[in-house]
C-alpha atoms as a PDB file:
ATOM      1  CA  UNK A   1      17.713 -23.504  -8.961  1.00  0.00           C
ATOM      2  CA  UNK A   2      19.045 -24.167 -12.443  1.00  0.00           C
ATOM      3  CA  UNK A   3      20.102 -21.571 -14.976  1.00  0.00           C
ATOM      4  CA  UNK A   4      18.684 -22.572 -18.327  1.00  0.00           C
ATOM      5  CA  UNK A   5      20.868 -20.129 -20.268  1.00  0.00           C
ATOM      6  CA  UNK A   6      24.286 -20.643 -18.601  1.00  0.00           C
ATOM      7  CA  UNK A   7      26.467 -17.593 -18.098  1.00  0.00           C
ATOM      8  CA  UNK A   8      29.320 -17.290 -15.626  1.00  0.00           C
ATOM      9  CA  UNK A   9      28.438 -13.674 -14.912  1.00  0.00           C
ATOM     10  CA  UNK A  10      25.244 -14.483 -12.971  1.00  0.00           C
ATOM     11  CA  UNK A  11      25.548 -15.945  -9.463  1.00  0.00           C
ATOM     12  CA  UNK A  12      23.313 -16.420  -6.434  1.00  0.00           C
ATOM     13  CA  UNK A  13      24.407 -13.787  -3.899  1.00  0.00           C
ATOM     14  CA  UNK A  14      22.235 -15.212  -1.095  1.00  0.00           C
ATOM     15  CA  UNK A  15      19.280 -17.509  -0.526  1.00  0.00           C
ATOM     16  CA  UNK A  16      17.151 -17.523   2.634  1.00  0.00           C
ATOM     17  CA  UNK A  17      13.691 -18.547   3.855  1.00  0.00           C
ATOM     18  CA  UNK A  18      11.116 -16.357   5.614  1.00  0.00           C
ATOM     19  CA  UNK A  19       8.313 -17.684   7.795  1.00  0.00           C
ATOM     20  CA  UNK A  20       5.404 -16.551   5.619  1.00  0.00           C
ATOM     21  CA  UNK A  21       4.295 -16.689   1.995  1.00  0.00           C
ATOM     22  CA  UNK A  22       5.711 -13.531   0.370  1.00  0.00           C
ATOM     23  CA  UNK A  23       3.355 -11.197  -1.455  1.00  0.00           C
ATOM     24  CA  UNK A  24       5.496  -8.062  -1.950  1.00  0.00           C
ATOM     25  CA  UNK A  25       9.092  -6.827  -2.049  1.00  0.00           C
ATOM     26  CA  UNK A  26      10.758  -3.443  -1.744  1.00  0.00           C
ATOM     27  CA  UNK A  27      14.451  -2.647  -2.183  1.00  0.00           C
ATOM     28  CA  UNK A  28      16.082   0.686  -1.368  1.00  0.00           C
ATOM     29  CA  UNK A  29      19.653   1.507  -0.455  1.00  0.00           C
ATOM     30  CA  UNK A  30      21.201  -1.434   1.371  1.00  0.00           C
ATOM     31  CA  UNK A  31      17.894  -3.002   2.497  1.00  0.00           C
ATOM     32  CA  UNK A  32      15.295  -5.391   1.113  1.00  0.00           C
ATOM     33  CA  UNK A  33      11.861  -5.732   2.723  1.00  0.00           C
ATOM     34  CA  UNK A  34       9.618  -8.775   2.309  1.00  0.00           C
ATOM     35  CA  UNK A  35       5.908  -8.707   3.183  1.00  0.00           C
ATOM     36  CA  UNK A  36       4.032 -11.968   3.776  1.00  0.00           C
ATOM     37  CA  UNK A  37       0.399 -12.920   3.261  1.00  0.00           C
ATOM     38  CA  UNK A  38      -0.146 -13.490   6.988  1.00  0.00           C
ATOM     39  CA  UNK A  39       1.413 -10.144   7.902  1.00  0.00           C
ATOM     40  CA  UNK A  40       5.039 -11.003   8.666  1.00  0.00           C
ATOM     41  CA  UNK A  41       7.344  -8.243   7.422  1.00  0.00           C
ATOM     42  CA  UNK A  42      11.056  -9.059   7.295  1.00  0.00           C
ATOM     43  CA  UNK A  43      13.804  -6.522   6.600  1.00  0.00           C
ATOM     44  CA  UNK A  44      17.024  -7.924   5.146  1.00  0.00           C
ATOM     45  CA  UNK A  45      20.509  -6.695   4.380  1.00  0.00           C
ATOM     46  CA  UNK A  46      20.725  -6.509   0.592  1.00  0.00           C
ATOM     47  CA  UNK A  47      24.369  -7.522   0.490  1.00  0.00           C
ATOM     48  CA  UNK A  48      24.200 -10.790   2.420  1.00  0.00           C
ATOM     49  CA  UNK A  49      20.532 -11.452   3.219  1.00  0.00           C
ATOM     50  CA  UNK A  50      20.986 -11.113   6.973  1.00  0.00           C
ATOM     51  CA  UNK A  51      17.960 -10.120   9.035  1.00  0.00           C
ATOM     52  CA  UNK A  52      17.913  -6.440  10.024  1.00  0.00           C
ATOM     53  CA  UNK A  53      14.411  -6.274  11.497  1.00  0.00           C
ATOM     54  CA  UNK A  54      10.964  -7.870  11.596  1.00  0.00           C
ATOM     55  CA  UNK A  55       7.431  -7.110  12.751  1.00  0.00           C
ATOM     56  CA  UNK A  56       3.847  -8.321  12.286  1.00  0.00           C
ATOM     57  CA  UNK A  57       0.945  -6.546  10.604  1.00  0.00           C
ATOM     58  CA  UNK A  58      -2.299  -7.934  11.966  1.00  0.00           C
ATOM     59  CA  UNK A  59      -4.719  -9.161   9.316  1.00  0.00           C
ATOM     60  CA  UNK A  60      -2.054  -9.793   6.684  1.00  0.00           C
ATOM     61  CA  UNK A  61       0.011  -7.653   4.319  1.00  0.00           C
ATOM     62  CA  UNK A  62      -0.584  -6.421   0.774  1.00  0.00           C
ATOM     63  CA  UNK A  63       2.369  -4.139   0.053  1.00  0.00           C
ATOM     64  CA  UNK A  64       5.624  -2.867   1.500  1.00  0.00           C
ATOM     65  CA  UNK A  65       7.624   0.269   0.664  1.00  0.00           C
ATOM     66  CA  UNK A  66      11.040   1.341   1.937  1.00  0.00           C
ATOM     67  CA  UNK A  67      11.827   5.056   2.107  1.00  0.00           C
ATOM     68  CA  UNK A  68      14.348   6.378  -0.444  1.00  0.00           C
ATOM     69  CA  UNK A  69      17.040   6.619   2.237  1.00  0.00           C
ATOM     70  CA  UNK A  70      16.138   3.167   3.660  1.00  0.00           C
ATOM     71  CA  UNK A  71      15.654   4.623   7.160  1.00  0.00           C
ATOM     72  CA  UNK A  72      11.908   3.908   7.336  1.00  0.00           C
ATOM     73  CA  UNK A  73       9.382   1.469   5.925  1.00  0.00           C
ATOM     74  CA  UNK A  74       5.613   1.285   5.496  1.00  0.00           C
ATOM     75  CA  UNK A  75       3.643  -1.949   5.133  1.00  0.00           C
ATOM     76  CA  UNK A  76      -0.062  -1.990   4.272  1.00  0.00           C
ATOM     77  CA  UNK A  77      -2.767  -4.611   4.653  1.00  0.00           C
ATOM     78  CA  UNK A  78      -6.505  -5.312   4.800  1.00  0.00           C
ATOM     79  CA  UNK A  79      -6.878  -3.908   8.324  1.00  0.00           C
ATOM     80  CA  UNK A  80      -4.448  -0.991   8.335  1.00  0.00           C
ATOM     81  CA  UNK A  81      -0.790  -0.141   8.009  1.00  0.00           C
ATOM     82  CA  UNK A  82       2.468  -0.130   9.963  1.00  0.00           C
ATOM     83  CA  UNK A  83       5.569   2.066  10.054  1.00  0.00           C
ATOM     84  CA  UNK A  84       9.024   0.754  10.909  1.00  0.00           C
ATOM     85  CA  UNK A  85      12.062   2.804  11.912  1.00  0.00           C
ATOM     86  CA  UNK A  86      15.509   1.426  11.144  1.00  0.00           C
ATOM     87  CA  UNK A  87      17.097   3.239  14.082  1.00  0.00           C
ATOM     88  CA  UNK A  88      16.050   1.141  17.078  1.00  0.00           C
ATOM     89  CA  UNK A  89      13.958  -1.248  14.955  1.00  0.00           C
ATOM     90  CA  UNK A  90      10.615  -0.089  16.398  1.00  0.00           C
ATOM     91  CA  UNK A  91       7.362  -0.645  14.497  1.00  0.00           C
ATOM     92  CA  UNK A  92       4.124   1.286  14.959  1.00  0.00           C
ATOM     93  CA  UNK A  93       1.051  -0.653  13.834  1.00  0.00           C
ATOM     94  CA  UNK A  94      -2.074   1.367  12.984  1.00  0.00           C
ATOM     95  CA  UNK A  95      -5.088  -0.958  12.984  1.00  0.00           C
ATOM     96  CA  UNK A  96      -7.531   1.415  11.330  1.00  0.00           C
ATOM     97  CA  UNK A  97      -9.878  -1.266  10.044  1.00  0.00           C
ATOM     98  CA  UNK A  98      -9.604   0.337   6.591  1.00  0.00           C
ATOM     99  CA  UNK A  99      -8.369  -1.596   3.566  1.00  0.00           C
ATOM    100  CA  UNK A 100      -4.879  -0.274   2.842  1.00  0.00           C
ATOM    101  CA  UNK A 101      -3.587  -1.548  -0.477  1.00  0.00           C
ATOM    102  CA  UNK A 102      -0.579   0.628  -1.273  1.00  0.00           C
ATOM    103  CA  UNK A 103       2.011   3.122  -0.067  1.00  0.00           C
ATOM    104  CA  UNK A 104       4.369   5.438  -1.956  1.00  0.00           C
ATOM    105  CA  UNK A 105       7.172   7.678  -0.670  1.00  0.00           C
ATOM    106  CA  UNK A 106       7.489  11.216  -2.043  1.00  0.00           C
ATOM    107  CA  UNK A 107      10.851  11.679  -0.302  1.00  0.00           C
ATOM    108  CA  UNK A 108      12.419  10.462   2.978  1.00  0.00           C
ATOM    109  CA  UNK A 109      10.030  12.666   4.973  1.00  0.00           C
ATOM    110  CA  UNK A 110       6.628  11.960   3.382  1.00  0.00           C
ATOM    111  CA  UNK A 111       4.764   8.803   2.492  1.00  0.00           C
ATOM    112  CA  UNK A 112       1.254   8.428   1.070  1.00  0.00           C
ATOM    113  CA  UNK A 113      -0.805   5.486   2.309  1.00  0.00           C
ATOM    114  CA  UNK A 114      -4.069   4.244   0.860  1.00  0.00           C
ATOM    115  CA  UNK A 115      -6.496   3.973   3.785  1.00  0.00           C
ATOM    116  CA  UNK A 116     -10.022   3.017   2.834  1.00  0.00           C
ATOM    117  CA  UNK A 117     -11.464   5.741   0.608  1.00  0.00           C
ATOM    118  CA  UNK A 118      -8.752   8.272   1.468  1.00  0.00           C
ATOM    119  CA  UNK A 119      -5.049   8.733   0.950  1.00  0.00           C
ATOM    120  CA  UNK A 120      -3.154   9.745   4.074  1.00  0.00           C
ATOM    121  CA  UNK A 121       0.131  11.611   3.800  1.00  0.00           C
ATOM    122  CA  UNK A 122       2.294  10.793   6.799  1.00  0.00           C
ATOM    123  CA  UNK A 123       5.645  11.773   8.207  1.00  0.00           C
ATOM    124  CA  UNK A 124       8.204   8.979   8.624  1.00  0.00           C
ATOM    125  CA  UNK A 125       7.089   8.358  12.217  1.00  0.00           C
ATOM    126  CA  UNK A 126       3.395   8.162  11.338  1.00  0.00           C
ATOM    127  CA  UNK A 127       2.213  11.688  12.108  1.00  0.00           C
ATOM    128  CA  UNK A 128      -0.554  12.691   9.687  1.00  0.00           C
ATOM    129  CA  UNK A 129       0.441  15.703   7.580  1.00  0.00           C
ATOM    130  CA  UNK A 130      -2.747  15.850   5.513  1.00  0.00           C
ATOM    131  CA  UNK A 131      -5.364  13.609   3.896  1.00  0.00           C
ATOM    132  CA  UNK A 132      -7.488  13.619   0.772  1.00  0.00           C
ATOM    133  CA  UNK A 133     -11.250  13.875   0.943  1.00  0.00           C
ATOM    134  CA  UNK A 134     -13.007  10.491   0.616  1.00  0.00           C
ATOM    135  CA  UNK A 135     -13.190   9.042  -2.885  1.00  0.00           C
ATOM    136  CA  UNK A 136     -16.265   7.273  -4.219  1.00  0.00           C
ATOM    137  CA  UNK A 137     -14.766   3.898  -3.333  1.00  0.00           C
ATOM    138  CA  UNK A 138     -11.664   2.300  -1.851  1.00  0.00           C
ATOM    139  CA  UNK A 139      -8.342   3.733  -3.017  1.00  0.00           C
ATOM    140  CA  UNK A 140      -6.559   1.005  -4.970  1.00  0.00           C
ATOM    141  CA  UNK A 141      -3.232   2.651  -5.805  1.00  0.00           C
ATOM    142  CA  UNK A 142      -1.365   5.942  -5.629  1.00  0.00           C
ATOM    143  CA  UNK A 143       1.786   7.550  -6.994  1.00  0.00           C
ATOM    144  CA  UNK A 144       3.701  10.848  -6.795  1.00  0.00           C
ATOM    145  CA  UNK A 145       4.328  13.240  -9.687  1.00  0.00           C
ATOM    146  CA  UNK A 146       6.446  16.367 -10.084  1.00  0.00           C
ATOM    147  CA  UNK A 147       9.176  15.157  -7.743  1.00  0.00           C
ATOM    148  CA  UNK A 148       6.724  14.649  -4.902  1.00  0.00           C
ATOM    149  CA  UNK A 149       4.739  17.849  -5.295  1.00  0.00           C
ATOM    150  CA  UNK A 150       1.546  16.186  -6.625  1.00  0.00           C
ATOM    151  CA  UNK A 151      -0.178  12.961  -5.553  1.00  0.00           C
ATOM    152  CA  UNK A 152      -2.220  10.809  -7.956  1.00  0.00           C
ATOM    153  CA  UNK A 153      -4.881   8.681  -6.255  1.00  0.00           C
ATOM    154  CA  UNK A 154      -6.785   5.913  -8.059  1.00  0.00           C
ATOM    155  CA  UNK A 155     -10.281   4.784  -7.037  1.00  0.00           C
ATOM    156  CA  UNK A 156     -13.318   3.607  -8.986  1.00  0.00           C
ATOM    157  CA  UNK A 157     -14.300   6.100 -11.650  1.00  0.00           C
ATOM    158  CA  UNK A 158     -11.276   8.382 -11.723  1.00  0.00           C
ATOM    159  CA  UNK A 159      -7.681   9.176 -10.929  1.00  0.00           C
ATOM    160  CA  UNK A 160      -7.553  12.358  -8.854  1.00  0.00           C
ATOM    161  CA  UNK A 161      -4.481  14.535  -8.368  1.00  0.00           C
ATOM    162  CA  UNK A 162      -3.847  16.541  -5.216  1.00  0.00           C
ATOM    163  CA  UNK A 163      -1.299  19.256  -4.553  1.00  0.00           C
ATOM    164  CA  UNK A 164       0.443  19.290  -1.192  1.00  0.00           C
ATOM    165  CA  UNK A 165      -2.032  19.858   1.682  1.00  0.00           C
ATOM    166  CA  UNK A 166      -5.061  20.013  -0.625  1.00  0.00           C
ATOM    167  CA  UNK A 167      -7.773  17.551   0.353  1.00  0.00           C
ATOM    168  CA  UNK A 168      -9.821  18.303  -2.769  1.00  0.00           C
ATOM    169  CA  UNK A 169      -8.368  17.270  -6.137  1.00  0.00           C
ATOM    170  CA  UNK A 170      -6.885  19.951  -8.365  1.00  0.00           C
ATOM    171  CA  UNK A 171      -7.179  17.720 -11.455  1.00  0.00           C
ATOM    172  CA  UNK A 172      -9.531  14.791 -12.058  1.00  0.00           C
ATOM    173  CA  UNK A 173      -9.018  12.222 -14.793  1.00  0.00           C
ATOM    174  CA  UNK A 174     -12.322  10.305 -15.159  1.00  0.00           C
ATOM    175  CA  UNK A 175     -12.627   6.721 -16.304  1.00  0.00           C
ATOM    176  CA  UNK A 176     -15.635   4.551 -15.530  1.00  0.00           C
ATOM    177  CA  UNK A 177     -14.106   1.375 -14.215  1.00  0.00           C
ATOM    178  CA  UNK A 178     -12.013  -0.172 -11.463  1.00  0.00           C
ATOM    179  CA  UNK A 179      -8.341   0.775 -11.427  1.00  0.00           C
ATOM    180  CA  UNK A 180      -6.054  -2.014 -10.184  1.00  0.00           C
ATOM    181  CA  UNK A 181      -2.639  -0.415 -10.665  1.00  0.00           C
ATOM    182  CA  UNK A 182      -1.212   3.024 -11.341  1.00  0.00           C
ATOM    183  CA  UNK A 183       2.015   3.964 -13.138  1.00  0.00           C
ATOM    184  CA  UNK A 184       3.324   7.497 -13.552  1.00  0.00           C
ATOM    185  CA  UNK A 185       6.108   8.288 -16.005  1.00  0.00           C
ATOM    186  CA  UNK A 186       9.234   9.671 -14.286  1.00  0.00           C
ATOM    187  CA  UNK A 187       9.008  12.564 -16.739  1.00  0.00           C
ATOM    188  CA  UNK A 188       5.544  13.394 -15.360  1.00  0.00           C
ATOM    189  CA  UNK A 189       4.063  13.361 -18.878  1.00  0.00           C
ATOM    190  CA  UNK A 190       1.817  10.318 -18.502  1.00  0.00           C
ATOM    191  CA  UNK A 191      -0.472   8.699 -15.940  1.00  0.00           C
ATOM    192  CA  UNK A 192      -1.531   5.126 -16.721  1.00  0.00           C
ATOM    193  CA  UNK A 193      -3.974   2.808 -14.992  1.00  0.00           C
ATOM    194  CA  UNK A 194      -4.293  -0.957 -15.335  1.00  0.00           C
ATOM    195  CA  UNK A 195      -7.940  -1.899 -15.065  1.00  0.00           C
ATOM    196  CA  UNK A 196     -10.357  -4.635 -14.101  1.00  0.00           C
ATOM    197  CA  UNK A 197     -11.958  -4.416 -17.556  1.00  0.00           C
ATOM    198  CA  UNK A 198      -8.743  -5.753 -19.186  1.00  0.00           C
ATOM    199  CA  UNK A 199      -7.500  -2.396 -20.430  1.00  0.00           C
ATOM    200  CA  UNK A 200      -4.825   0.232 -19.882  1.00  0.00           C
ATOM    201  CA  UNK A 201      -6.043   3.821 -19.771  1.00  0.00           C
ATOM    202  CA  UNK A 202      -3.611   6.673 -20.371  1.00  0.00           C
ATOM    203  CA  UNK A 203      -3.815  10.389 -19.631  1.00  0.00           C
ATOM    204  CA  UNK A 204      -1.380  12.993 -20.936  1.00  0.00           C
ATOM    205  CA  UNK A 205      -0.889  15.343 -17.993  1.00  0.00           C
ATOM    206  CA  UNK A 206      -0.105  18.379 -20.147  1.00  0.00           C
ATOM    207  CA  UNK A 207      -3.591  18.678 -21.610  1.00  0.00           C
ATOM    208  CA  UNK A 208      -5.667  15.755 -20.290  1.00  0.00           C
ATOM    209  CA  UNK A 209      -5.589  13.913 -23.613  1.00  0.00           C
ATOM    210  CA  UNK A 210      -6.472  10.258 -23.122  1.00  0.00           C
ATOM    211  CA  UNK A 211      -6.163   6.888 -24.773  1.00  0.00           C
ATOM    212  CA  UNK A 212      -7.360   3.374 -23.975  1.00  0.00           C
ATOM    213  CA  UNK A 213      -5.489   0.211 -24.926  1.00  0.00           C
ATOM    214  CA  UNK A 214      -8.125  -2.523 -24.706  1.00  0.00           C
ATOM    215  CA  UNK A 215      -8.411  -6.115 -25.819  1.00  0.00           C
ATOM    216  CA  UNK A 216      -6.256  -7.734 -23.166  1.00  0.00           C
ATOM    217  CA  UNK A 217      -7.495 -11.253 -22.354  1.00  0.00           C
ATOM    218  CA  UNK A 218      -7.153 -10.684 -18.598  1.00  0.00           C
ATOM    219  CA  UNK A 219      -7.326  -7.789 -16.155  1.00  0.00           C
ATOM    220  CA  UNK A 220      -4.239  -5.573 -16.079  1.00  0.00           C
ATOM    221  CA  UNK A 221      -2.956  -5.537 -12.506  1.00  0.00           C
ATOM    222  CA  UNK A 222       0.772  -4.857 -12.987  1.00  0.00           C
ATOM    223  CA  UNK A 223       2.337  -2.069 -14.967  1.00  0.00           C
ATOM    224  CA  UNK A 224       5.548  -0.076 -14.578  1.00  0.00           C
ATOM    225  CA  UNK A 225       7.607   2.559 -16.374  1.00  0.00           C
ATOM    226  CA  UNK A 226      11.345   2.213 -16.783  1.00  0.00           C
ATOM    227  CA  UNK A 227      13.612   4.984 -15.479  1.00  0.00           C
ATOM    228  CA  UNK A 228      13.618   6.832 -18.798  1.00  0.00           C
ATOM    229  CA  UNK A 229       9.828   7.131 -18.808  1.00  0.00           C
ATOM    230  CA  UNK A 230       9.784   5.985 -22.437  1.00  0.00           C
ATOM    231  CA  UNK A 231       8.721   2.343 -21.885  1.00  0.00           C
ATOM    232  CA  UNK A 232       5.724   0.875 -20.076  1.00  0.00           C
ATOM    233  CA  UNK A 233       5.534  -2.853 -19.260  1.00  0.00           C
ATOM    234  CA  UNK A 234       2.194  -4.459 -18.416  1.00  0.00           C
ATOM    235  CA  UNK A 235       0.642  -7.857 -17.740  1.00  0.00           C
ATOM    236  CA  UNK A 236      -2.911  -8.812 -18.696  1.00  0.00           C
ATOM    237  CA  UNK A 237      -1.971 -11.788 -20.865  1.00  0.00           C
ATOM    238  CA  UNK A 238       0.595 -14.570 -21.073  1.00  0.00           C
ATOM    239  CA  UNK A 239       2.599 -12.019 -23.063  1.00  0.00           C
ATOM    240  CA  UNK A 240       4.054  -9.043 -21.219  1.00  0.00           C
ATOM    241  CA  UNK A 241       3.448  -6.017 -23.439  1.00  0.00           C
ATOM    242  CA  UNK A 242       5.991  -3.194 -23.650  1.00  0.00           C
ATOM    243  CA  UNK A 243       4.661   0.102 -25.024  1.00  0.00           C
ATOM    244  CA  UNK A 244       6.788   2.911 -26.473  1.00  0.00           C
ATOM    245  CA  UNK A 245       6.019   6.291 -24.856  1.00  0.00           C
ATOM    246  CA  UNK A 246       8.793   8.246 -26.562  1.00  0.00           C
ATOM    247  CA  UNK A 247       7.846  11.038 -28.931  1.00  0.00           C
ATOM    248  CA  UNK A 248       4.093  11.546 -29.027  1.00  0.00           C
ATOM    249  CA  UNK A 249       3.348   8.357 -27.107  1.00  0.00           C
ATOM    250  CA  UNK A 250       1.815   4.994 -28.005  1.00  0.00           C
ATOM    251  CA  UNK A 251      -1.257   6.132 -29.956  1.00  0.00           C
ATOM    252  CA  UNK A 252      -1.487   4.220 -33.219  1.00  0.00           C
ATOM    253  CA  UNK A 253       1.421   1.919 -32.380  1.00  0.00           C
ATOM    254  CA  UNK A 254       1.761  -1.735 -31.409  1.00  0.00           C
ATOM    255  CA  UNK A 255       3.688  -3.016 -28.396  1.00  0.00           C
ATOM    256  CA  UNK A 256       6.571  -5.441 -28.205  1.00  0.00           C
ATOM    257  CA  UNK A 257       5.472  -8.807 -26.791  1.00  0.00           C
ATOM    258  CA  UNK A 258       7.417 -10.895 -24.282  1.00  0.00           C
ATOM    259  CA  UNK A 259       6.261 -14.506 -23.988  1.00  0.00           C
ATOM    260  CA  UNK A 260       7.735 -16.819 -21.373  1.00  0.00           C
ATOM    261  CA  UNK A 261       5.126 -17.441 -18.652  1.00  0.00           C
ATOM    262  CA  UNK A 262       1.636 -18.880 -18.829  1.00  0.00           C
ATOM    263  CA  UNK A 263       0.692 -16.551 -15.961  1.00  0.00           C
ATOM    264  CA  UNK A 264       2.707 -13.413 -15.192  1.00  0.00           C
ATOM    265  CA  UNK A 265       3.090 -12.789 -11.445  1.00  0.00           C
ATOM    266  CA  UNK A 266       5.789 -10.081 -11.271  1.00  0.00           C
ATOM    267  CA  UNK A 267       7.716  -7.579 -13.361  1.00  0.00           C
ATOM    268  CA  UNK A 268      10.504  -5.124 -12.531  1.00  0.00           C
ATOM    269  CA  UNK A 269      12.676  -2.845 -14.678  1.00  0.00           C
ATOM    270  CA  UNK A 270      16.400  -2.837 -14.002  1.00  0.00           C
ATOM    271  CA  UNK A 271      17.506   0.620 -12.777  1.00  0.00           C
ATOM    272  CA  UNK A 272      18.839   2.775 -15.582  1.00  0.00           C
ATOM    273  CA  UNK A 273      17.745   3.273 -19.154  1.00  0.00           C
ATOM    274  CA  UNK A 274      19.093   0.089 -20.730  1.00  0.00           C
ATOM    275  CA  UNK A 275      15.725  -1.520 -21.412  1.00  0.00           C
ATOM    276  CA  UNK A 276      16.403  -4.524 -19.168  1.00  0.00           C
ATOM    277  CA  UNK A 277      13.288  -6.103 -17.641  1.00  0.00           C
ATOM    278  CA  UNK A 278      12.799  -9.023 -15.259  1.00  0.00           C
ATOM    279  CA  UNK A 279       9.512 -10.938 -15.225  1.00  0.00           C
ATOM    280  CA  UNK A 280       8.279 -13.790 -13.051  1.00  0.00           C
ATOM    281  CA  UNK A 281       5.658 -16.462 -13.528  1.00  0.00           C
ATOM    282  CA  UNK A 282       3.381 -18.775 -11.599  1.00  0.00           C
ATOM    283  CA  UNK A 283       5.495 -21.698 -12.840  1.00  0.00           C
ATOM    284  CA  UNK A 284       8.519 -20.398 -10.899  1.00  0.00           C
ATOM    285  CA  UNK A 285      10.343 -19.080 -13.955  1.00  0.00           C
ATOM    286  CA  UNK A 286      12.180 -15.755 -13.978  1.00  0.00           C
ATOM    287  CA  UNK A 287      12.947 -14.301 -17.414  1.00  0.00           C
ATOM    288  CA  UNK A 288      15.448 -11.539 -18.169  1.00  0.00           C
ATOM    289  CA  UNK A 289      14.781  -9.454 -21.279  1.00  0.00           C
ATOM    290  CA  UNK A 290      16.151  -6.728 -23.475  1.00  0.00           C
ATOM    291  CA  UNK A 291      12.593  -5.525 -23.563  1.00  0.00           C
ATOM    292  CA  UNK A 292      13.039  -2.548 -25.883  1.00  0.00           C
ATOM    293  CA  UNK A 293      14.874  -4.429 -28.645  1.00  0.00           C
ATOM    294  CA  UNK A 294      13.418  -5.185 -32.042  1.00  0.00           C
ATOM    295  CA  UNK A 295      10.394  -3.548 -33.629  1.00  0.00           C
ATOM    296  CA  UNK A 296       6.766  -3.138 -32.571  1.00  0.00           C
ATOM    297  CA  UNK A 297       4.658  -6.278 -33.032  1.00  0.00           C
ATOM    298  CA  UNK A 298       7.764  -8.427 -32.589  1.00  0.00           C
ATOM    299  CA  UNK A 299       7.603 -11.226 -30.014  1.00  0.00           C
ATOM    300  CA  UNK A 300      10.921 -11.154 -28.153  1.00  0.00           C
ATOM    301  CA  UNK A 301      12.775 -14.065 -26.595  1.00  0.00           C
ATOM    302  CA  UNK A 302      14.314 -13.830 -23.115  1.00  0.00           C
ATOM    303  CA  UNK A 303      18.066 -13.379 -22.813  1.00  0.00           C
ATOM    304  CA  UNK A 304      17.996 -16.036 -20.090  1.00  0.00           C
ATOM    305  CA  UNK A 305      15.577 -17.845 -17.787  1.00  0.00           C
ATOM    306  CA  UNK A 306      15.952 -19.048 -14.208  1.00  0.00           C
ATOM    307  CA  UNK A 307      13.895 -21.953 -12.903  1.00  0.00           C
ATOM    308  CA  UNK A 308      12.547 -22.020  -9.341  1.00  0.00           C
ATOM    309  CA  UNK A 309      10.611 -24.542  -7.278  1.00  0.00           C
ATOM    310  CA  UNK A 310       7.572 -22.356  -6.513  1.00  0.00           C
ATOM    311  CA  UNK A 311       5.574 -19.511  -8.010  1.00  0.00           C
ATOM    312  CA  UNK A 312       7.334 -16.154  -8.170  1.00  0.00           C
ATOM    313  CA  UNK A 313       5.559 -13.762  -5.817  1.00  0.00           C
ATOM    314  CA  UNK A 314       7.558 -10.567  -6.375  1.00  0.00           C
ATOM    315  CA  UNK A 315      10.707  -9.140  -7.945  1.00  0.00           C
ATOM    316  CA  UNK A 316      12.773  -6.090  -6.988  1.00  0.00           C
ATOM    317  CA  UNK A 317      16.143  -4.671  -8.047  1.00  0.00           C
ATOM    318  CA  UNK A 318      18.463  -3.694  -5.189  1.00  0.00           C
ATOM    319  CA  UNK A 319      20.516  -1.462  -7.445  1.00  0.00           C
ATOM    320  CA  UNK A 320      21.462  -2.315 -11.039  1.00  0.00           C
ATOM    321  CA  UNK A 321      23.435  -5.444 -10.177  1.00  0.00           C
ATOM    322  CA  UNK A 322      21.229  -7.358  -7.716  1.00  0.00           C
ATOM    323  CA  UNK A 323      17.850  -8.880  -8.625  1.00  0.00           C
ATOM    324  CA  UNK A 324      15.848 -10.124  -5.617  1.00  0.00           C
ATOM    325  CA  UNK A 325      13.103 -12.703  -6.113  1.00  0.00           C
ATOM    326  CA  UNK A 326      10.534 -13.857  -3.545  1.00  0.00           C
ATOM    327  CA  UNK A 327       8.766 -17.194  -4.053  1.00  0.00           C
ATOM    328  CA  UNK A 328       5.427 -18.311  -2.635  1.00  0.00           C
ATOM    329  CA  UNK A 329       7.102 -21.104  -0.650  1.00  0.00           C
ATOM    330  CA  UNK A 330       8.969 -18.524   1.467  1.00  0.00           C
ATOM    331  CA  UNK A 331      12.296 -18.548  -0.381  1.00  0.00           C
ATOM    332  CA  UNK A 332      13.973 -15.213  -1.092  1.00  0.00           C
ATOM    333  CA  UNK A 333      16.963 -15.220  -3.462  1.00  0.00           C
ATOM    334  CA  UNK A 334      19.297 -12.504  -4.695  1.00  0.00           C
ATOM    335  CA  UNK A 335      20.962 -12.911  -8.100  1.00  0.00           C
ATOM    336  CA  UNK A 336      24.156 -10.993  -8.814  1.00  0.00           C
ATOM    337  CA  UNK A 337      24.645  -9.412 -12.260  1.00  0.00           C
ATOM    338  CA  UNK A 338      28.065  -7.742 -12.300  1.00  0.00           C
ATOM    339  CA  UNK A 339      27.720  -5.766 -15.534  1.00  0.00           C
ATOM    340  CA  UNK A 340      25.017  -3.287 -16.506  1.00  0.00           C
ATOM    341  CA  UNK A 341      25.216  -4.603 -20.072  1.00  0.00           C
ATOM    342  CA  UNK A 342      24.841  -8.261 -19.052  1.00  0.00           C
ATOM    343  CA  UNK A 343      21.606 -10.141 -18.550  1.00  0.00           C
END
């Protein structure tokens, strides 16, 4: 790997290979989890890249999510899901036959798993605590609001919110279309969906007010809020767009544009509120940005770029100083950034 914008402060902390083509990453505490297309899930030590555990999810993997305390993990795939316990390293594979695209932890003791047309809320060992009633179609993504007290579930036609142990939704946010990704502001003020029809749809949770940002050249399948909840990054074009959600929100405003990749394959905000964003591309490039700099409608330049040998499959921050990148050829690298102000 070559660093195209040299800086002594960035080093490669570790570099390993996994025996599968990575599709997803998760980093929590001192662990990093890598999920592969053929179902191999590898758990690594974030400090040195050593293997902590591994298991197989039959039928392939789509996502992986470590618990906030890094004691448990959930991986999902086309034929079901699996739970892994750090203590003892045991994995429980649940081959439900239902398409399971996503998982999200509310806290160390509860995780929501998309399972066909329902969302299941499980304990860390896989015991079912409650489940939503079936949606009109397959659940594509889910996220927690209100510090884990409310669950947002996306499926064709609507995002539905459930309170704890309520199978029927308490709030429904309709939108005729296919939701591909869901992002909830840490403040709880906004729910956003990236959609098959090349748009982002936004709901204000306080009163249900809504807004659509359309005109993207491609479907929007990746979007994420930073830790402040004021900035939303999204794909859907060669440019990554960054929308300002401070104040009254993005209505009537233009986004900042980040152009580095012909095809965006990953994006991840650095922990904290510094406006630092990492993006990855199909060409193997990783770009590091001060994504909230400048003015709306300005096209920003990356602070630095890193060149790889294969397409970037996923990015995750293991704390504010370690950026982990997974490449389609099976390489997983961790880049050390010693200062919060340095990119």
